[in-house]
């Protein structure tokens, strides 16, 4: 599952908005599993800023495995 949304399937239609959503989302979590869609050009563009920003701010990136910490998004219905 995921616990941080880029918003790229909803209201975020620019790289800057996706970047802001990711920054805000990971700041609130000890462990973040981020939902992004690589089919969205603006999301791919946002990664060019987000990945360096995250690394410069002490975040790490890891591959998900069956032993990864669990993450669950909230229910909005």
N, C-alpha and C. Protein backbone atom coordinates (compact mmCIF):
# COMPACT_ATOMS: atom_id res chain seq x y z
N UNK A 1 0.85 -1.18 0.00
CA UNK A 1 0.00 0.00 0.00
C UNK A 1 0.89 1.24 0.00
N UNK A 2 0.31 2.40 0.01
CA UNK A 2 1.04 3.67 0.02
C UNK A 2 0.47 4.57 1.09
N UNK A 3 1.26 5.55 1.52
CA UNK A 3 0.77 6.50 2.52
C UNK A 3 1.07 7.97 2.16
N UNK A 4 1.66 8.19 0.99
CA UNK A 4 1.88 9.55 0.48
C UNK A 4 1.47 9.56 -0.99
N UNK A 5 0.57 10.46 -1.34
CA UNK A 5 0.14 10.57 -2.73
C UNK A 5 0.76 11.81 -3.37
N UNK A 6 1.22 11.63 -4.59
CA UNK A 6 1.73 12.77 -5.35
C UNK A 6 0.58 13.67 -5.81
N UNK A 7 -0.61 13.12 -5.85
CA UNK A 7 -1.77 13.87 -6.32
C UNK A 7 -1.88 13.91 -7.83
N UNK A 8 -1.01 13.16 -8.51
CA UNK A 8 -0.97 13.23 -9.97
C UNK A 8 -2.15 12.55 -10.66
N UNK A 9 -2.94 11.83 -9.92
CA UNK A 9 -4.15 11.23 -10.50
C UNK A 9 -5.37 12.11 -10.22
N UNK A 10 -5.14 13.21 -9.53
CA UNK A 10 -6.23 14.10 -9.18
C UNK A 10 -5.95 15.52 -9.62
N UNK A 11 -5.82 16.42 -8.65
CA UNK A 11 -5.69 17.84 -8.94
C UNK A 11 -4.32 18.33 -9.35
N UNK A 12 -3.28 17.57 -9.07
CA UNK A 12 -1.93 18.02 -9.41
C UNK A 12 -1.66 17.77 -10.88
N UNK A 13 -1.52 18.82 -11.65
CA UNK A 13 -1.31 18.70 -13.10
C UNK A 13 -0.03 19.37 -13.57
N UNK A 14 0.82 19.74 -12.60
CA UNK A 14 2.11 20.34 -12.94
C UNK A 14 3.20 19.70 -12.09
N UNK A 15 4.43 19.78 -12.59
CA UNK A 15 5.56 19.22 -11.85
C UNK A 15 5.73 19.92 -10.50
N UNK A 16 5.52 21.22 -10.47
CA UNK A 16 5.70 21.95 -9.21
C UNK A 16 4.67 21.54 -8.16
N UNK A 17 3.44 21.29 -8.59
CA UNK A 17 2.40 20.85 -7.64
C UNK A 17 2.70 19.44 -7.13
N UNK A 18 3.12 18.54 -8.00
CA UNK A 18 3.49 17.19 -7.58
C UNK A 18 4.64 17.27 -6.58
N UNK A 19 5.65 18.08 -6.88
CA UNK A 19 6.79 18.26 -5.98
C UNK A 19 6.34 18.75 -4.61
N UNK A 20 5.48 19.75 -4.57
CA UNK A 20 4.98 20.27 -3.29
C UNK A 20 4.20 19.21 -2.53
N UNK A 21 3.37 18.45 -3.23
CA UNK A 21 2.60 17.38 -2.58
C UNK A 21 3.52 16.33 -1.96
N UNK A 22 4.55 15.95 -2.68
CA UNK A 22 5.48 14.95 -2.17
C UNK A 22 6.24 15.47 -0.96
N UNK A 23 6.74 16.69 -1.05
CA UNK A 23 7.47 17.30 0.05
C UNK A 23 6.62 17.36 1.31
N UNK A 24 5.40 17.82 1.15
CA UNK A 24 4.48 17.92 2.28
C UNK A 24 4.14 16.53 2.83
N UNK A 25 3.92 15.58 1.95
CA UNK A 25 3.54 14.24 2.38
C UNK A 25 4.61 13.50 3.14
N UNK A 26 5.85 13.55 2.66
CA UNK A 26 6.92 12.80 3.34
C UNK A 26 7.32 13.45 4.66
N UNK A 27 7.10 14.74 4.79
CA UNK A 27 7.46 15.44 6.02
C UNK A 27 6.65 14.95 7.21
N UNK A 28 5.50 14.38 6.96
CA UNK A 28 4.59 13.96 8.03
C UNK A 28 4.78 12.50 8.43
N UNK A 29 5.69 11.78 7.79
CA UNK A 29 5.79 10.34 7.99
C UNK A 29 7.19 9.92 8.42
N UNK A 30 7.26 8.89 9.26
CA UNK A 30 8.55 8.28 9.59
C UNK A 30 9.01 7.42 8.42
N UNK A 31 8.09 6.66 7.84
CA UNK A 31 8.35 5.85 6.66
C UNK A 31 7.31 6.22 5.62
N UNK A 32 7.77 6.56 4.43
CA UNK A 32 6.86 6.96 3.35
C UNK A 32 6.91 5.96 2.21
N UNK A 33 5.74 5.60 1.74
CA UNK A 33 5.60 4.84 0.49
C UNK A 33 4.78 5.74 -0.41
N UNK A 34 5.42 6.22 -1.46
CA UNK A 34 4.85 7.27 -2.30
C UNK A 34 4.16 6.70 -3.53
N UNK A 35 2.95 7.18 -3.79
CA UNK A 35 2.20 6.80 -4.98
C UNK A 35 2.41 7.85 -6.06
N UNK A 36 3.01 7.42 -7.17
CA UNK A 36 3.22 8.28 -8.34
C UNK A 36 2.90 7.47 -9.59
N UNK A 37 2.56 8.15 -10.65
CA UNK A 37 2.26 7.49 -11.91
C UNK A 37 3.28 7.91 -12.96
N UNK A 38 4.08 6.95 -13.42
CA UNK A 38 5.14 7.27 -14.37
C UNK A 38 4.61 7.59 -15.76
N UNK A 39 3.32 7.41 -15.97
CA UNK A 39 2.72 7.75 -17.26
C UNK A 39 2.40 9.24 -17.36
N UNK A 40 2.56 9.95 -16.26
CA UNK A 40 2.30 11.40 -16.24
C UNK A 40 3.62 12.13 -16.43
N UNK A 41 3.74 12.87 -17.52
CA UNK A 41 4.99 13.57 -17.83
C UNK A 41 5.38 14.53 -16.71
N UNK A 42 4.41 15.24 -16.14
CA UNK A 42 4.72 16.20 -15.08
C UNK A 42 5.20 15.51 -13.81
N UNK A 43 4.79 14.27 -13.57
CA UNK A 43 5.30 13.54 -12.41
C UNK A 43 6.75 13.15 -12.62
N UNK A 44 7.06 12.68 -13.81
CA UNK A 44 8.45 12.34 -14.14
C UNK A 44 9.33 13.58 -14.00
N UNK A 45 8.84 14.72 -14.47
CA UNK A 45 9.58 15.98 -14.35
C UNK A 45 9.78 16.36 -12.88
N UNK A 46 8.76 16.14 -12.05
CA UNK A 46 8.86 16.48 -10.63
C UNK A 46 9.95 15.67 -9.93
N UNK A 47 10.18 14.45 -10.38
CA UNK A 47 11.20 13.60 -9.77
C UNK A 47 12.60 14.18 -9.94
N UNK A 48 12.80 14.95 -11.00
CA UNK A 48 14.11 15.59 -11.22
C UNK A 48 14.45 16.58 -10.11
N UNK A 49 13.42 17.13 -9.47
CA UNK A 49 13.63 18.03 -8.33
C UNK A 49 13.46 17.29 -7.00
N UNK A 50 12.48 16.40 -6.94
CA UNK A 50 12.18 15.76 -5.66
C UNK A 50 13.30 14.83 -5.19
N UNK A 51 13.84 14.00 -6.05
CA UNK A 51 14.87 13.05 -5.62
C UNK A 51 16.10 13.77 -5.07
N UNK A 52 16.66 14.75 -5.77
CA UNK A 52 17.80 15.48 -5.17
C UNK A 52 17.42 16.18 -3.86
N UNK A 53 16.24 16.80 -3.82
CA UNK A 53 15.80 17.47 -2.59
C UNK A 53 15.73 16.46 -1.45
N UNK A 54 15.13 15.31 -1.69
CA UNK A 54 14.97 14.30 -0.65
C UNK A 54 16.34 13.81 -0.15
N UNK A 55 17.25 13.53 -1.06
CA UNK A 55 18.58 13.06 -0.67
C UNK A 55 19.33 14.13 0.13
N UNK A 56 19.21 15.38 -0.29
CA UNK A 56 19.87 16.49 0.42
C UNK A 56 19.28 16.70 1.81
N UNK A 57 18.06 16.25 2.02
CA UNK A 57 17.38 16.44 3.30
C UNK A 57 17.34 15.17 4.14
N UNK A 58 18.20 14.22 3.82
CA UNK A 58 18.36 13.04 4.66
C UNK A 58 17.44 11.87 4.38
N UNK A 59 16.64 11.96 3.34
CA UNK A 59 15.75 10.84 2.99
C UNK A 59 16.55 9.80 2.20
N UNK A 60 16.08 8.57 2.24
CA UNK A 60 16.69 7.49 1.46
C UNK A 60 15.61 6.81 0.64
N UNK A 61 16.02 6.12 -0.38
CA UNK A 61 15.12 5.38 -1.24
C UNK A 61 15.48 3.91 -1.17
N UNK A 62 14.47 3.08 -0.99
CA UNK A 62 14.70 1.64 -0.91
C UNK A 62 13.67 0.90 -1.74
N UNK A 63 14.03 -0.29 -2.17
CA UNK A 63 13.11 -1.16 -2.89
C UNK A 63 12.15 -1.78 -1.89
N UNK A 64 10.88 -1.86 -2.25
CA UNK A 64 9.91 -2.52 -1.38
C UNK A 64 10.10 -4.03 -1.47
N UNK A 65 10.07 -4.67 -0.32
CA UNK A 65 10.15 -6.12 -0.24
C UNK A 65 9.05 -6.60 0.71
N UNK A 66 8.93 -7.90 0.86
CA UNK A 66 7.91 -8.42 1.77
C UNK A 66 8.23 -8.07 3.22
N UNK A 67 9.47 -7.66 3.50
CA UNK A 67 9.87 -7.26 4.85
C UNK A 67 9.86 -5.75 5.08
N UNK A 68 9.43 -5.00 4.09
CA UNK A 68 9.37 -3.54 4.23
C UNK A 68 8.32 -3.15 5.25
N UNK A 69 8.52 -2.00 5.91
CA UNK A 69 7.48 -1.52 6.84
C UNK A 69 6.17 -1.32 6.08
N UNK A 70 5.08 -1.56 6.73
CA UNK A 70 3.79 -1.38 6.07
C UNK A 70 3.38 0.09 6.07
N UNK A 71 2.63 0.46 5.08
CA UNK A 71 2.12 1.83 4.96
C UNK A 71 0.71 1.74 4.42
N UNK A 72 -0.19 2.51 4.99
CA UNK A 72 -1.58 2.49 4.56
C UNK A 72 -2.10 3.91 4.40
N UNK A 73 -2.72 4.17 3.28
CA UNK A 73 -3.33 5.49 3.06
C UNK A 73 -4.64 5.55 3.81
N UNK A 74 -5.08 6.75 4.07
CA UNK A 74 -6.35 6.94 4.75
C UNK A 74 -7.53 6.67 3.83
N UNK A 75 -8.66 6.41 4.40
CA UNK A 75 -9.87 6.17 3.65
C UNK A 75 -10.66 7.46 3.55
N UNK A 76 -11.08 7.81 2.35
CA UNK A 76 -11.78 9.09 2.13
C UNK A 76 -13.17 8.86 1.56
N UNK A 77 -13.95 8.01 2.17
CA UNK A 77 -15.32 7.81 1.65
C UNK A 77 -16.36 7.93 2.70
